[in-house]
Protein backbone atom coordinates (compact mmCIF):
# COMPACT_ATOMS: atom_id res chain seq x y z
CA MET A 1 13.14 147.05 78.10
CA LYS A 2 13.84 147.38 74.38
CA ARG A 3 12.98 151.08 74.57
CA ILE A 4 15.34 151.57 77.50
CA ALA A 5 18.12 149.69 75.68
CA LEU A 6 17.61 151.77 72.55
CA LEU A 7 17.78 155.00 74.55
CA ALA A 8 20.94 153.79 76.27
CA LEU A 9 22.48 152.94 72.90
CA CYS A 10 21.63 156.40 71.53
CA ALA A 11 23.13 158.04 74.61
CA LEU A 12 26.31 156.03 74.18
CA MET A 13 26.57 157.01 70.52
CA LEU A 14 26.11 160.67 71.40
CA LEU A 15 28.79 160.37 74.06
CA LEU A 16 31.22 158.74 71.63
CA THR A 17 30.50 161.42 69.01
CA ALA A 18 31.09 164.17 71.56
CA CYS A 19 34.36 162.57 72.60
CA SER A 20 35.54 162.30 69.00
CA ASP A 21 34.84 166.01 68.48
CA GLU A 22 36.86 167.06 71.52
CA ILE A 23 39.86 169.23 70.77
CA GLN A 24 42.98 167.09 70.75
CA PRO A 25 46.48 168.61 71.01
CA ALA A 26 49.05 167.98 68.29
CA GLN A 27 50.35 164.45 67.85
CA LEU A 28 54.12 164.60 68.34
CA LYS A 29 56.57 162.56 66.32
CA GLU A 30 59.10 160.17 67.78
CA GLY A 31 62.54 160.14 66.25
CA PRO A 32 66.14 161.35 66.45
CA GLN A 33 67.02 164.83 67.63
CA PHE A 34 69.02 167.28 65.50
CA THR A 35 71.09 169.67 67.65
CA VAL A 36 72.29 173.07 66.44
CA ALA A 37 74.90 175.29 68.09
CA VAL A 38 74.06 179.01 67.92
CA ALA A 39 75.96 182.08 69.10
CA GLU A 40 72.97 184.30 69.91
CA GLN A 41 69.85 184.17 72.02
CA PRO A 42 66.60 186.06 71.44
CA ALA A 43 65.37 188.39 74.15
CA SER A 44 61.86 186.94 73.81
CA VAL A 45 59.77 184.54 71.70
CA ASN A 46 57.13 187.12 70.81
CA PRO A 47 57.10 187.53 67.00
CA LEU A 48 55.79 191.08 67.35
CA THR A 49 58.85 192.37 69.17
CA GLU A 50 61.81 190.06 68.65
CA GLU A 51 64.02 190.82 65.64
CA SER A 52 66.89 188.33 65.99
CA LYS A 53 67.83 185.89 63.25
CA LEU A 54 67.27 182.98 65.60
CA MET A 55 63.71 184.09 66.28
CA GLU A 56 63.11 184.11 62.53
CA GLU A 57 63.96 180.40 62.55
CA PHE A 58 61.61 179.76 65.47
CA ILE A 59 58.81 181.50 63.55
CA LEU A 60 59.46 179.28 60.51
CA LEU A 61 59.23 176.16 62.66
CA VAL A 62 56.19 176.97 64.81
CA TYR A 63 54.00 179.21 62.66
CA ASP A 64 52.67 179.00 59.14
CA PRO A 65 51.99 181.90 56.77
CA LEU A 66 49.35 181.79 54.06
CA TRP A 67 52.11 181.21 51.51
CA ARG A 68 55.56 179.82 52.26
CA ILE A 69 58.78 180.46 50.37
CA ASN A 70 60.39 177.25 49.11
CA ALA A 71 64.06 176.44 48.55
CA ASP A 72 63.90 178.06 45.10
CA GLY A 73 62.71 181.35 46.60
CA GLU A 74 59.23 180.93 45.15
CA PRO A 75 55.93 181.32 47.04
CA VAL A 76 53.84 178.17 47.38
CA ASN A 77 50.48 177.56 49.05
CA CYS A 78 50.74 176.76 52.74
CA LEU A 79 47.56 177.49 54.73
CA VAL A 80 45.90 178.36 51.42
CA GLU A 81 43.83 175.80 49.54
CA ASP A 82 43.38 178.14 46.59
CA TYR A 83 42.84 181.83 45.87
CA SER A 84 41.47 184.10 43.16
CA LEU A 85 42.15 187.67 42.10
CA SER A 86 39.50 190.13 40.91
CA SER A 87 39.58 191.66 37.44
CA ASP A 88 41.01 194.93 38.80
CA GLN A 89 43.60 192.88 40.76
CA ARG A 90 42.72 194.58 44.05
CA THR A 91 40.61 191.91 45.73
CA TRP A 92 42.17 188.64 46.83
CA THR A 93 39.75 185.88 47.83
CA VAL A 94 41.65 183.25 49.80
CA ARG A 95 40.17 179.88 50.70
CA LEU A 96 41.88 178.18 53.63
CA ARG A 97 42.68 174.52 54.07
CA ARG A 98 40.17 172.72 56.30
CA ASP A 99 42.61 170.20 57.76
CA VAL A 100 44.74 172.64 59.74
CA THR A 101 44.84 172.85 63.52
CA PHE A 102 46.95 174.81 65.96
CA SER A 103 49.22 172.77 68.21
CA ASP A 104 46.69 173.05 71.05
CA GLY A 105 44.13 171.30 68.86
CA THR A 106 41.92 174.26 67.89
CA PRO A 107 41.09 174.48 64.18
CA LEU A 108 42.38 177.31 62.01
CA THR A 109 39.71 179.85 60.99
CA ALA A 110 39.54 182.92 58.80
CA GLU A 111 39.36 185.11 61.91
CA ASP A 112 42.81 183.90 62.96
CA VAL A 113 44.18 185.16 59.64
CA GLN A 114 42.32 188.46 59.92
CA TYR A 115 43.53 189.00 63.49
CA SER A 116 47.14 188.14 62.63
CA TYR A 117 47.39 190.53 59.68
CA GLN A 118 45.76 193.36 61.61
CA THR A 119 47.92 192.81 64.70
CA MET A 120 51.16 192.55 62.74
CA SER A 121 50.29 195.67 60.78
CA LEU A 122 49.75 197.69 63.97
CA HIS A 123 52.33 196.28 66.35
CA SER A 124 55.22 194.60 64.51
CA THR A 125 58.25 196.48 63.19
CA ILE A 126 59.36 193.46 61.16
CA PHE A 127 56.07 192.40 59.62
CA SER A 128 54.14 195.66 59.22
CA PRO A 129 55.85 196.57 55.89
CA TYR A 130 54.37 193.43 54.32
CA CYS A 131 50.86 194.70 55.11
CA ALA A 132 51.33 197.91 53.12
CA GLY A 133 48.45 198.50 50.72
CA ILE A 134 45.99 196.18 52.48
CA ASP A 135 42.94 198.34 53.20
CA ASP A 136 40.37 195.82 54.38
CA ILE A 137 40.15 192.18 55.51
CA ARG A 138 36.79 190.38 55.65
CA CYS A 139 35.77 186.87 56.66
CA PRO A 140 32.64 185.78 54.72
CA ASP A 141 32.84 182.37 56.39
CA GLU A 142 35.15 180.33 58.61
CA HIS A 143 37.41 179.27 55.74
CA THR A 144 37.42 182.33 53.45
CA VAL A 145 39.42 185.55 53.80
CA VAL A 146 38.93 188.50 51.43
CA PHE A 147 41.72 191.09 51.19
CA THR A 148 41.06 194.45 49.53
CA THR A 149 44.09 196.52 48.56
CA SER A 150 44.45 200.20 47.74
CA TYR A 151 46.62 199.43 44.73
CA VAL A 152 47.62 196.36 42.75
CA LYS A 153 49.73 194.62 45.40
CA GLY A 154 52.19 192.56 43.42
CA ASP A 155 54.02 191.11 46.43
CA MET A 156 50.96 189.64 48.15
CA LEU A 157 52.26 186.05 47.88
CA TYR A 158 55.59 186.98 49.47
CA CYS A 159 53.97 188.08 52.74
CA PRO A 160 55.40 185.93 55.58
CA ILE A 161 52.91 187.00 58.28
CA PRO A 162 52.84 184.18 60.91
CA ILE A 163 49.25 183.20 61.65
CA LEU A 164 48.50 183.42 65.37
CA PRO A 165 45.57 181.86 67.26
CA LYS A 166 43.16 184.73 67.90
CA ALA A 167 41.54 182.91 70.83
CA ILE A 168 44.81 183.16 72.78
CA TRP A 169 46.33 186.45 71.64
CA SER A 170 43.17 188.56 71.73
CA LYS A 171 42.78 187.83 75.45
CA GLN A 172 46.15 189.34 76.34
CA PRO A 173 46.25 192.83 77.92
CA SER A 174 49.06 193.70 75.50
CA ALA A 175 50.03 191.78 72.37
CA ARG A 176 53.56 193.20 72.45
CA GLY A 177 53.90 192.38 76.13
CA PHE A 178 52.72 188.77 75.77
CA ALA A 179 55.45 186.29 76.85
CA ASN A 180 54.19 183.67 74.35
CA GLU A 181 56.29 180.94 75.98
CA GLU A 182 54.28 178.05 74.51
CA MET A 183 54.31 179.47 70.96
CA ILE A 184 51.02 177.93 69.80
CA GLY A 185 51.03 177.74 66.01
CA THR A 186 50.02 175.56 63.06
CA GLY A 187 53.60 174.89 61.90
CA PRO A 188 55.49 171.60 61.55
CA PHE A 189 57.12 171.87 65.00
CA VAL A 190 55.90 172.49 68.54
CA ARG A 191 57.99 174.15 71.22
CA GLN A 192 58.72 171.82 74.11
CA MET A 193 58.82 173.46 77.53
CA THR A 194 61.44 171.11 78.98
CA GLU A 195 62.95 171.45 82.43
CA LEU A 196 65.69 174.07 82.24
CA ASP A 197 69.28 172.98 82.70
CA PRO A 198 71.14 175.70 84.65
CA GLN A 199 74.28 174.88 82.68
CA GLU A 200 72.62 175.30 79.29
CA VAL A 201 70.54 177.84 77.40
CA SER A 202 68.54 175.99 74.77
CA TRP A 203 65.26 175.78 72.87
CA THR A 204 63.66 172.45 71.85
CA PHE A 205 61.05 171.86 69.14
CA GLN A 206 59.22 168.58 68.61
CA ALA A 207 58.04 167.58 65.14
CA ARG A 208 54.28 167.21 64.59
CA GLU A 209 53.22 163.78 63.38
CA ASP A 210 49.88 165.24 62.27
CA TYR A 211 51.25 168.23 60.35
CA PHE A 212 49.02 168.76 57.34
CA GLY A 213 52.00 169.17 55.01
CA GLY A 214 53.52 165.88 56.16
CA PRO A 215 55.83 165.37 59.15
CA ALA A 216 59.53 166.13 59.28
CA LYS A 217 61.88 163.15 59.06
CA ILE A 218 63.48 164.02 62.40
CA GLY A 219 61.80 163.81 65.78
CA SER A 220 62.98 167.08 67.28
CA LEU A 221 65.27 170.08 66.94
CA LYS A 222 67.35 171.57 69.72
CA PHE A 223 69.16 174.91 69.50
CA ILE A 224 71.94 175.28 72.08
CA TYR A 225 73.49 178.65 72.90
CA TYR A 226 77.26 179.11 72.97
CA ALA A 227 78.77 182.44 73.96
CA THR A 228 81.22 182.45 71.05
CA GLU A 229 81.53 180.99 67.56
CA THR A 230 84.71 179.27 68.78
CA GLY A 231 82.76 177.43 71.46
CA ALA A 232 80.12 176.41 68.93
CA SER A 233 82.72 175.08 66.49
CA ARG A 234 84.48 173.11 69.24
CA ALA A 235 81.17 171.50 70.18
CA LEU A 236 80.65 170.51 66.53
CA SER A 237 84.16 169.16 66.18
CA ALA A 238 83.76 167.10 69.36
CA GLY A 239 80.44 165.68 68.18
CA GLU A 240 78.45 167.35 70.97
CA VAL A 241 76.14 168.96 68.39
CA ASP A 242 75.09 168.10 64.84
CA ALA A 243 75.45 171.55 63.29
CA ALA A 244 76.77 175.03 64.02
CA ILE A 245 75.51 178.16 62.26
CA GLU A 246 76.73 181.75 61.92
CA LEU A 247 80.36 180.65 61.95
CA THR A 248 83.14 183.03 60.88
CA ASP A 249 86.06 182.75 58.51
CA VAL A 250 88.22 181.64 61.45
CA GLN A 251 86.20 178.42 61.75
CA LEU A 252 86.71 177.75 58.04
CA THR A 253 90.32 177.05 59.01
CA THR A 254 89.84 175.37 62.38
CA LEU A 255 87.12 173.00 61.14
CA GLU A 256 88.72 172.18 57.80
CA GLY A 257 89.58 168.53 57.64
CA VAL A 258 87.77 167.56 60.84
CA PRO A 259 86.46 164.01 60.24
CA GLY A 260 82.70 163.89 59.72
CA VAL A 261 82.26 167.68 59.45
CA GLN A 262 81.09 169.32 56.22
CA LEU A 263 81.49 173.10 55.82
CA ILE A 264 78.96 175.00 53.72
CA GLN A 265 79.82 178.57 52.77
CA SER A 266 77.42 180.53 50.59
CA LEU A 267 75.55 183.75 50.02
CA THR A 268 71.97 183.09 51.03
CA ARG A 269 68.80 185.13 51.17
CA SER A 270 69.55 186.01 54.79
CA SER A 271 73.22 186.92 54.32
CA ASP A 272 74.34 190.15 55.97
CA ILE A 273 74.96 193.23 53.84
CA TRP A 274 77.53 195.76 55.08
CA THR A 275 76.73 199.37 54.22
CA VAL A 276 77.69 202.98 54.85
CA ALA A 277 74.70 205.26 55.45
CA PHE A 278 75.02 208.97 54.65
CA ASN A 279 73.14 211.79 56.35
CA THR A 280 71.81 213.51 53.24
CA ARG A 281 69.91 216.14 55.25
CA LYS A 282 72.97 218.31 55.73
CA THR A 283 76.27 219.25 54.15
CA PRO A 284 78.49 217.80 52.93
CA PHE A 285 76.42 214.71 52.06
CA SER A 286 73.45 216.65 50.78
CA LEU A 287 75.58 216.60 47.60
CA THR A 288 75.60 213.38 45.57
CA SER A 289 79.18 214.08 44.44
CA MET A 290 80.42 214.07 48.05
CA ARG A 291 78.77 210.71 48.68
CA GLN A 292 80.46 209.39 45.56
CA MET A 293 83.73 210.86 46.83
CA VAL A 294 83.57 208.52 49.80
CA GLU A 295 83.14 205.55 47.48
CA TYR A 296 86.40 206.50 45.76
CA CYS A 297 88.01 206.11 49.19
CA VAL A 298 86.56 202.65 49.79
CA ASP A 299 88.66 199.56 49.20
CA ARG A 300 85.93 196.90 49.24
CA SER A 301 88.23 193.95 48.64
CA ARG A 302 90.58 194.94 51.46
CA MET A 303 87.66 195.49 53.82
CA LEU A 304 86.19 192.06 53.07
CA SER A 305 89.55 190.31 53.29
CA MET A 306 90.56 191.87 56.60
CA SER A 307 87.09 191.76 58.19
CA ASN A 308 85.97 188.30 57.11
CA GLY A 309 88.82 186.53 55.37
CA ASN A 310 87.15 186.90 51.94
CA ALA A 311 84.18 184.83 53.14
CA GLY A 312 81.68 186.68 50.96
CA SER A 313 81.82 189.06 48.02
CA THR A 314 82.29 192.77 47.48
CA GLY A 315 79.09 194.82 47.48
CA THR A 316 77.23 196.50 44.66
CA SER A 317 73.54 197.10 45.39
CA PHE A 318 71.24 196.89 48.41
CA VAL A 319 70.10 193.41 47.29
CA SER A 320 71.92 190.16 48.02
CA PRO A 321 73.23 188.31 44.93
CA ALA A 322 71.32 185.28 46.24
CA MET A 323 68.05 186.97 45.21
CA ASP A 324 66.60 186.40 41.76
CA TYR A 325 65.98 190.14 41.38
CA TYR A 326 69.62 191.10 42.10
CA TYR A 327 70.94 193.49 39.48
CA GLY A 328 74.57 193.87 38.40
CA ILE A 329 75.31 197.59 38.71
CA SER A 330 76.85 199.21 35.64
CA ASN A 331 79.75 201.70 35.78
CA MET A 332 80.83 200.74 39.30
CA ARG A 333 83.25 203.12 41.00
CA GLY A 334 86.30 201.54 42.63
CA ILE A 335 88.94 202.93 44.92
CA ASP A 336 90.53 205.98 43.28
CA LEU A 337 91.99 208.58 45.65
CA ASP A 338 92.81 211.00 42.82
CA SER A 339 89.15 211.09 41.74
CA ALA A 340 88.18 211.67 45.38
CA LYS A 341 90.56 214.63 45.57
CA ASN A 342 89.20 216.12 42.34
CA ILE A 343 85.65 216.04 43.72
CA LEU A 344 86.80 217.73 46.93
CA TYR A 345 88.63 220.50 45.07
CA THR A 346 85.78 221.20 42.67
CA THR A 347 83.30 221.25 45.58
CA GLY A 348 85.24 224.02 47.32
CA TYR A 349 87.74 222.41 49.69
CA GLU A 350 91.48 223.14 49.80
CA ASP A 351 94.32 222.79 52.25
CA ILE A 352 94.57 226.48 53.04
CA ASP A 353 96.97 226.27 56.01
CA ALA A 354 99.09 223.42 54.60
CA ASP A 355 98.40 221.11 57.56
CA GLY A 356 97.39 218.19 55.38
CA LEU A 357 93.66 218.69 56.02
CA LEU A 358 91.18 220.33 53.68
CA GLU A 359 89.22 223.40 54.69
CA ASP A 360 86.00 224.86 53.35
CA LEU A 361 86.99 227.89 51.28
CA LEU A 362 83.98 229.84 52.55
CA THR A 363 84.03 229.03 56.28
CA ARG A 364 87.78 228.26 56.60
CA LYS A 365 86.86 225.29 58.80
CA ASP A 366 88.39 221.82 58.49
CA LEU A 367 86.30 219.26 56.65
CA GLN A 368 85.60 216.77 59.43
CA LEU A 369 83.19 213.85 59.10
CA ARG A 370 81.50 212.22 62.10
CA LEU A 371 81.50 208.42 61.66
CA TYR A 372 79.59 206.03 63.94
CA THR A 373 79.82 202.26 64.30
CA SER A 374 78.20 199.72 66.63
CA SER A 375 80.18 197.60 69.07
CA SER A 376 77.97 194.64 68.12
CA ASP A 377 79.08 194.68 64.45
CA ASP A 378 82.29 192.64 64.43
CA TRP A 379 83.19 193.74 60.90
CA ALA A 380 82.77 197.48 61.52
CA PRO A 381 86.08 198.30 63.29
CA THR A 382 88.19 196.99 60.42
CA ALA A 383 86.01 198.61 57.76
CA ALA A 384 85.98 201.93 59.65
CA THR A 385 89.77 201.85 60.08
CA ILE A 386 90.32 201.40 56.35
CA LEU A 387 87.74 204.05 55.45
CA LYS A 388 89.20 206.54 57.94
CA GLU A 389 92.72 205.92 56.67
CA ASN A 390 91.81 206.56 53.03
CA LEU A 391 89.71 209.64 53.76
CA GLU A 392 92.54 211.14 55.76
CA ASN A 393 94.90 210.38 52.86
CA VAL A 394 92.85 212.77 50.72
CA GLY A 395 92.72 215.41 53.45
CA VAL A 396 89.43 214.64 55.19
CA SER A 397 89.41 214.43 59.01
CA VAL A 398 87.30 211.64 60.49
CA ASP A 399 85.87 211.66 64.02
CA TRP A 400 85.10 207.97 64.63
CA ASN A 401 82.80 206.97 67.50
CA THR A 402 81.73 203.46 68.60
CA VAL A 403 78.37 203.10 70.35
CA ASP A 404 76.75 200.27 72.28
CA GLY A 405 73.59 198.75 70.82
CA LYS A 406 72.19 199.79 67.45
CA VAL A 407 73.94 202.62 65.66
CA GLU A 408 70.54 203.63 64.26
CA ASP A 409 69.53 204.66 67.78
CA VAL A 410 72.25 207.31 67.73
CA CYS A 411 72.18 208.36 64.07
CA THR A 412 68.64 209.70 64.16
CA PRO A 413 67.15 212.31 61.79
CA LYS A 414 67.78 215.16 64.25
CA ALA A 415 71.21 214.01 65.48
CA ASP A 416 74.53 215.45 64.35
CA TRP A 417 76.22 212.75 62.30
CA ASP A 418 77.60 212.29 58.80
CA MET A 419 78.17 208.55 58.24
CA CYS A 420 77.44 205.30 60.02
CA LEU A 421 78.23 201.68 59.28
CA ILE A 422 75.19 199.42 59.53
CA THR A 423 74.31 195.80 58.77
CA TRP A 424 71.35 194.99 56.55
CA ARG A 425 69.63 191.76 55.68
CA SER A 426 68.19 191.31 52.24
CA ASN A 427 64.62 190.15 51.64
CA VAL A 428 62.99 187.68 49.30
CA ASP A 429 60.31 190.32 48.66
CA PRO A 430 61.79 193.04 46.38
CA VAL A 431 59.14 195.55 47.48
CA VAL A 432 60.12 195.32 51.14
CA ALA A 433 63.83 195.45 50.26
CA ALA A 434 63.46 198.52 48.03
CA ASN A 435 61.06 200.21 50.42
CA ARG A 436 63.92 200.56 52.90
CA LEU A 437 65.25 203.54 50.93
CA LEU A 438 62.02 205.54 50.96
CA PRO A 439 61.85 208.52 53.37
CA ALA A 440 58.59 207.27 54.89
CA SER A 441 60.25 203.98 55.80
CA SER A 442 63.16 203.29 58.15
CA ASN A 443 65.52 205.23 55.90
CA LEU A 444 67.72 207.10 58.37
CA THR A 445 69.55 208.96 55.60
CA GLY A 446 66.65 211.30 54.79
CA TRP A 447 67.24 210.65 51.09
CA GLU A 448 64.49 211.55 48.62
CA ASN A 449 64.54 210.88 44.90
CA GLY A 450 61.55 211.46 42.62
CA ALA A 451 62.64 208.95 39.99
CA TYR A 452 63.09 206.28 42.63
CA ALA A 453 59.65 206.94 44.11
CA GLU A 454 58.04 206.72 40.67
CA VAL A 455 59.70 203.42 39.76
CA MET A 456 58.94 202.12 43.26
CA GLN A 457 55.21 202.39 42.58
CA ARG A 458 55.66 200.28 39.45
CA LEU A 459 57.44 197.64 41.52
CA ARG A 460 54.58 197.52 44.04
CA GLU A 461 52.14 196.79 41.23
CA ALA A 462 54.25 194.19 39.42
CA ILE A 463 52.24 190.98 39.68
CA ASP A 464 54.51 188.77 37.55
CA ARG A 465 58.05 188.02 38.70
CA PRO A 466 59.90 188.93 35.44
CA THR A 467 58.44 192.44 35.53
CA ALA A 468 59.32 192.78 39.20
CA GLN A 469 62.89 191.70 38.47
CA THR A 470 63.30 194.30 35.72
CA VAL A 471 61.85 197.14 37.77
CA ALA A 472 63.84 196.14 40.87
CA GLY A 473 67.00 196.35 38.76
CA GLN A 474 66.12 199.90 37.74
CA LEU A 475 65.69 200.85 41.40
CA GLN A 476 69.07 199.38 42.30
CA GLN A 477 70.76 201.42 39.57
CA ILE A 478 69.04 204.66 40.66
CA ALA A 479 70.05 204.06 44.27
CA TYR A 480 73.64 203.34 43.27
CA ASP A 481 73.94 206.43 41.08
CA ASP A 482 72.60 208.78 43.78
CA MET A 483 74.04 206.73 46.67
CA PRO A 484 72.18 207.36 49.92
CA TYR A 485 73.87 204.14 51.03
CA LEU A 486 77.22 202.72 49.99
CA VAL A 487 77.18 198.92 49.91
CA LEU A 488 80.53 197.50 51.01
CA ALA A 489 80.19 193.71 51.01
CA TYR A 490 77.95 190.67 51.28
CA ARG A 491 78.95 188.33 54.09
CA SER A 492 78.75 184.59 53.50
CA ASP A 493 76.71 182.38 55.76
CA ILE A 494 79.00 179.65 57.10
CA LEU A 495 77.52 176.41 58.39
CA GLY A 496 79.14 173.27 59.72
CA ILE A 497 77.20 170.00 59.80
CA ARG A 498 77.99 166.43 60.83
CA HIS A 499 77.49 164.80 57.45
CA ASP A 500 78.61 161.51 58.97
CA ARG A 501 75.31 161.50 60.89
CA TRP A 502 72.87 163.33 58.63
CA THR A 503 71.82 163.30 55.01
CA GLY A 504 68.92 164.32 52.75
CA TYR A 505 69.79 168.01 52.65
CA ASP A 506 71.99 168.21 49.54
CA ASP A 507 69.14 169.17 47.22
CA VAL A 508 68.06 172.03 49.49
CA VAL A 509 71.63 173.32 49.74
CA GLN A 510 72.02 173.33 45.97
CA ARG A 511 68.74 175.16 45.43
CA ALA A 512 68.79 177.63 48.33
CA GLY A 513 72.53 178.06 48.83
CA GLY A 514 72.42 176.73 52.37
CA LEU A 515 70.62 174.50 54.84
CA LEU A 516 69.63 176.63 57.84
CA ARG A 517 68.80 180.34 57.89
CA ILE A 518 67.75 180.35 54.28
CA GLY A 519 64.26 181.78 54.85
CA THR A 520 62.49 178.48 54.28
CA VAL A 521 61.55 175.48 56.40
CA ASP A 522 62.63 173.06 53.65
CA GLY A 523 66.06 172.49 55.15
CA TYR A 524 64.71 171.27 58.47
CA MET A 525 62.08 169.09 56.80
CA SER A 526 64.63 167.34 54.58
CA LEU A 527 67.07 166.24 57.30
CA GLU A 528 67.25 162.53 58.06
CA PRO A 529 69.73 160.28 59.86
CA ALA A 530 72.44 158.94 57.59
CA ASP A 531 72.07 155.40 58.94
CA ALA A 532 68.31 155.44 58.23
CA ALA A 533 68.91 156.61 54.66
CA GLY A 534 71.56 153.95 54.18
């Protein structure tokens, strides 16, 4: 009998051990919900294909990278316990935390990291530039990843690759075609697949109580879609939501003085950059002087004032002033129509037939520039009107066309165009930001510059931030002098928040310039109810 009892006891212990080792889904946190009004909706929740700003926020909430960017714009360990760099600085040995699980309960492994980097490199337009220079990824054990690079990759810590669960994604027939509705990740929030309200388009995320970095102070986040910024601001004013993002200068007036509403206007790391792109493959913009001529016809202050009510600042370089590697361009050219005329005359254009338009002295044809804008860029019509007016004042005819969708889809390398107005977003990684101007990248201008390419290689290999800042400044000056792009303005991010209900975010705002859409999860993690804090 004793033997039977002992065997039964052993069996029970084994059963209890097995039960304790079963995969348990994420423990969700109870608490208040923070609601955010947004004026856009992503086409999908697949991080390989979706490029919207809102999807960037979803990625921050649900997925973790190896290193996160904090409110100061600095990389800090996230999924990484520690790492080491070889003497030649081309081998990164990364040791992963052992207390990390995906929201479905499966533990994080080195193979998840390997799979994510390889998949993003091959299939993601957004994330593939961050993988540049990574030649090989090995997994010596479940918690170690070894990266080998082809050169000294100075921006390794700024790589925001979201780590996906290989067990789920590798089983899909197509990674890019995967719906990814559940969004299984290791991040501080879990997407909640709530019953859809036919009157509302929204996305809900529940905080993880068991998040290895510590839980958020709120219980959940809910993003609610409004067709217009006006509708979003009305919902905020009425107390239907707690915050509204991507507001315009109009809401700065309508929301001013509304009880309980705090307006935050700032240039952040995700602020839009308005630019003119030149087709440098063909005349007249194969000449640097002609590109500079256009700048003499640009009234940046007027464009910003009329397009966005001065909610922002006039542009200088392709980097947002919110970045620590932003460089103040020297010898900036301002609006000067006489200087524009002088360039045109010395280049070989005159008004031969006295009709007010300049002709090429060789071909006798009018100088006409084909300008393209996108119907989705709300600032572009005003900017294009001012640019067209000033160019015509110096004798240059402008054929202005508005297209649906992305203007880059029309202004392709083989298409017949001269200028287009496009919106950029800056990047916390100076290498990725500067890489935009290289011909091998998404540079639609076709611009090539040997000095830029040479300095660019030095930036790639800059391990320490001060060196990267200096070299990035040199690149910004080269790009301004030769001007494949003309930067018009930086648009402020405008946020409204019910400060009568929420607190805890002031420190993040002071450090990052904003609360939401600042490229870091710190804003969401710092929010707490005002009554709880009191």
